[in-house]
Amino acid sequence: MRVESWEHENVAFRPQDVRETTWSVDHVGGETYFTIRTYGPNGGSAKQIVQFDRGRAIELVKILKREFSL
């Protein structure tokens, strides 16, 4: 899944299980993508893949800086 835009949502926090998570940087067709992969409790193939292009990465960094007062 490639992130197209960030929309703020107000939902109740629900603790999640800790799972193996990896990241990579891929270069495709002149574009750079930051990819996060999460895995199930027994490993195996990725259960969710989220990709950010440069623009979405910049937006995410701004959000994280604001929300965590970084």
C-alpha atoms as a PDB file:
ATOM      1  CA  MET A   1       0.000   0.000   0.000  1.00  0.00           C
ATOM      2  CA  ARG A   2       1.402   3.380  -0.965  1.00  0.00           C
ATOM      3  CA  VAL A   3       0.435   6.344   1.209  1.00  0.00           C
ATOM      4  CA  GLU A   4      -1.237   9.035  -0.909  1.00  0.00           C
ATOM      5  CA  SER A   5      -2.124  11.504   1.853  1.00  0.00           C
ATOM      6  CA  TRP A   6      -2.216  11.840   5.631  1.00  0.00           C
ATOM      7  CA  GLU A   7      -5.612  12.409   7.247  1.00  0.00           C
ATOM      8  CA  HIS A   8      -5.917  13.070  10.976  1.00  0.00           C
ATOM      9  CA  GLU A   9      -8.303  10.742  12.774  1.00  0.00           C
ATOM     10  CA  ASN A  10      -9.534  10.807  16.372  1.00  0.00           C
ATOM     11  CA  VAL A  11      -9.800   7.232  17.583  1.00  0.00           C
ATOM     12  CA  ALA A  12      -9.398   5.636  20.988  1.00  0.00           C
ATOM     13  CA  PHE A  13      -5.926   4.255  21.656  1.00  0.00           C
ATOM     14  CA  ARG A  14      -5.781   0.476  21.729  1.00  0.00           C
ATOM     15  CA  PRO A  15      -2.505  -1.227  22.677  1.00  0.00           C
ATOM     16  CA  GLN A  16      -1.162  -3.514  19.958  1.00  0.00           C
ATOM     17  CA  ASP A  17       1.016  -6.592  20.143  1.00  0.00           C
ATOM     18  CA  VAL A  18       4.709  -6.099  19.416  1.00  0.00           C
ATOM     19  CA  ARG A  19       5.683  -7.616  16.074  1.00  0.00           C
ATOM     20  CA  GLU A  20       8.824  -7.836  13.984  1.00  0.00           C
ATOM     21  CA  THR A  21       9.101  -4.761  11.765  1.00  0.00           C
ATOM     22  CA  THR A  22      11.645  -3.999   9.050  1.00  0.00           C
ATOM     23  CA  TRP A  23      12.303  -1.034   6.790  1.00  0.00           C
ATOM     24  CA  SER A  24      14.052  -0.534   3.475  1.00  0.00           C
ATOM     25  CA  VAL A  25      14.699   2.152   0.884  1.00  0.00           C
ATOM     26  CA  ASP A  26      13.943   1.282  -2.713  1.00  0.00           C
ATOM     27  CA  HIS A  27      14.654   3.182  -5.927  1.00  0.00           C
ATOM     28  CA  VAL A  28      12.097   2.572  -8.685  1.00  0.00           C
ATOM     29  CA  GLY A  29      11.767   4.534 -11.905  1.00  0.00           C
ATOM     30  CA  GLY A  30      13.771   7.473 -10.570  1.00  0.00           C
ATOM     31  CA  GLU A  31      11.678   7.669  -7.379  1.00  0.00           C
ATOM     32  CA  THR A  32      12.794   6.772  -3.859  1.00  0.00           C
ATOM     33  CA  TYR A  33      10.424   4.927  -1.538  1.00  0.00           C
ATOM     34  CA  PHE A  34      10.719   4.230   2.173  1.00  0.00           C
ATOM     35  CA  THR A  35       9.017   0.916   2.921  1.00  0.00           C
ATOM     36  CA  ILE A  36       7.911  -0.478   6.295  1.00  0.00           C
ATOM     37  CA  ARG A  37       7.011  -4.163   6.569  1.00  0.00           C
ATOM     38  CA  THR A  38       5.299  -5.737   9.582  1.00  0.00           C
ATOM     39  CA  TYR A  39       5.140  -9.466  10.206  1.00  0.00           C
ATOM     40  CA  GLY A  40       2.755 -11.828  11.994  1.00  0.00           C
ATOM     41  CA  PRO A  41       3.463 -13.453  15.356  1.00  0.00           C
ATOM     42  CA  ASN A  42       5.219 -16.419  13.723  1.00  0.00           C
ATOM     43  CA  GLY A  43       7.281 -14.462  11.207  1.00  0.00           C
ATOM     44  CA  GLY A  44       6.952 -15.596   7.616  1.00  0.00           C
ATOM     45  CA  SER A  45       5.926 -13.191   4.890  1.00  0.00           C
ATOM     46  CA  ALA A  46       5.045  -9.562   5.548  1.00  0.00           C
ATOM     47  CA  LYS A  47       1.501  -9.003   6.788  1.00  0.00           C
ATOM     48  CA  GLN A  48       1.411  -5.306   5.952  1.00  0.00           C
ATOM     49  CA  ILE A  49       3.603  -3.199   3.672  1.00  0.00           C
ATOM     50  CA  VAL A  50       3.414   0.604   3.718  1.00  0.00           C
ATOM     51  CA  GLN A  51       5.389   2.744   1.252  1.00  0.00           C
ATOM     52  CA  PHE A  52       6.130   6.462   1.412  1.00  0.00           C
ATOM     53  CA  ASP A  53       7.426   8.574  -1.447  1.00  0.00           C
ATOM     54  CA  ARG A  54       9.564  11.634  -0.702  1.00  0.00           C
ATOM     55  CA  GLY A  55       6.602  13.976  -0.333  1.00  0.00           C
ATOM     56  CA  ARG A  56       4.736  11.728   2.117  1.00  0.00           C
ATOM     57  CA  ALA A  57       7.956  11.149   4.082  1.00  0.00           C
ATOM     58  CA  ILE A  58       8.456  14.915   4.468  1.00  0.00           C
ATOM     59  CA  GLU A  59       4.867  15.274   5.663  1.00  0.00           C
ATOM     60  CA  LEU A  60       5.278  12.392   8.127  1.00  0.00           C
ATOM     61  CA  VAL A  61       8.452  13.907   9.575  1.00  0.00           C
ATOM     62  CA  LYS A  62       6.611  17.213  10.086  1.00  0.00           C
ATOM     63  CA  ILE A  63       3.733  15.423  11.827  1.00  0.00           C
ATOM     64  CA  LEU A  64       6.091  13.459  14.093  1.00  0.00           C
ATOM     65  CA  LYS A  65       8.072  16.591  14.987  1.00  0.00           C
ATOM     66  CA  ARG A  66       4.886  18.426  15.887  1.00  0.00           C
ATOM     67  CA  GLU A  67       3.200  15.620  17.825  1.00  0.00           C
ATOM     68  CA  PHE A  68       6.299  14.588  19.799  1.00  0.00           C
ATOM     69  CA  SER A  69       7.740  18.104  20.209  1.00  0.00           C
ATOM     70  CA  LEU A  70      10.999  17.017  18.569  1.00  0.00           C
END
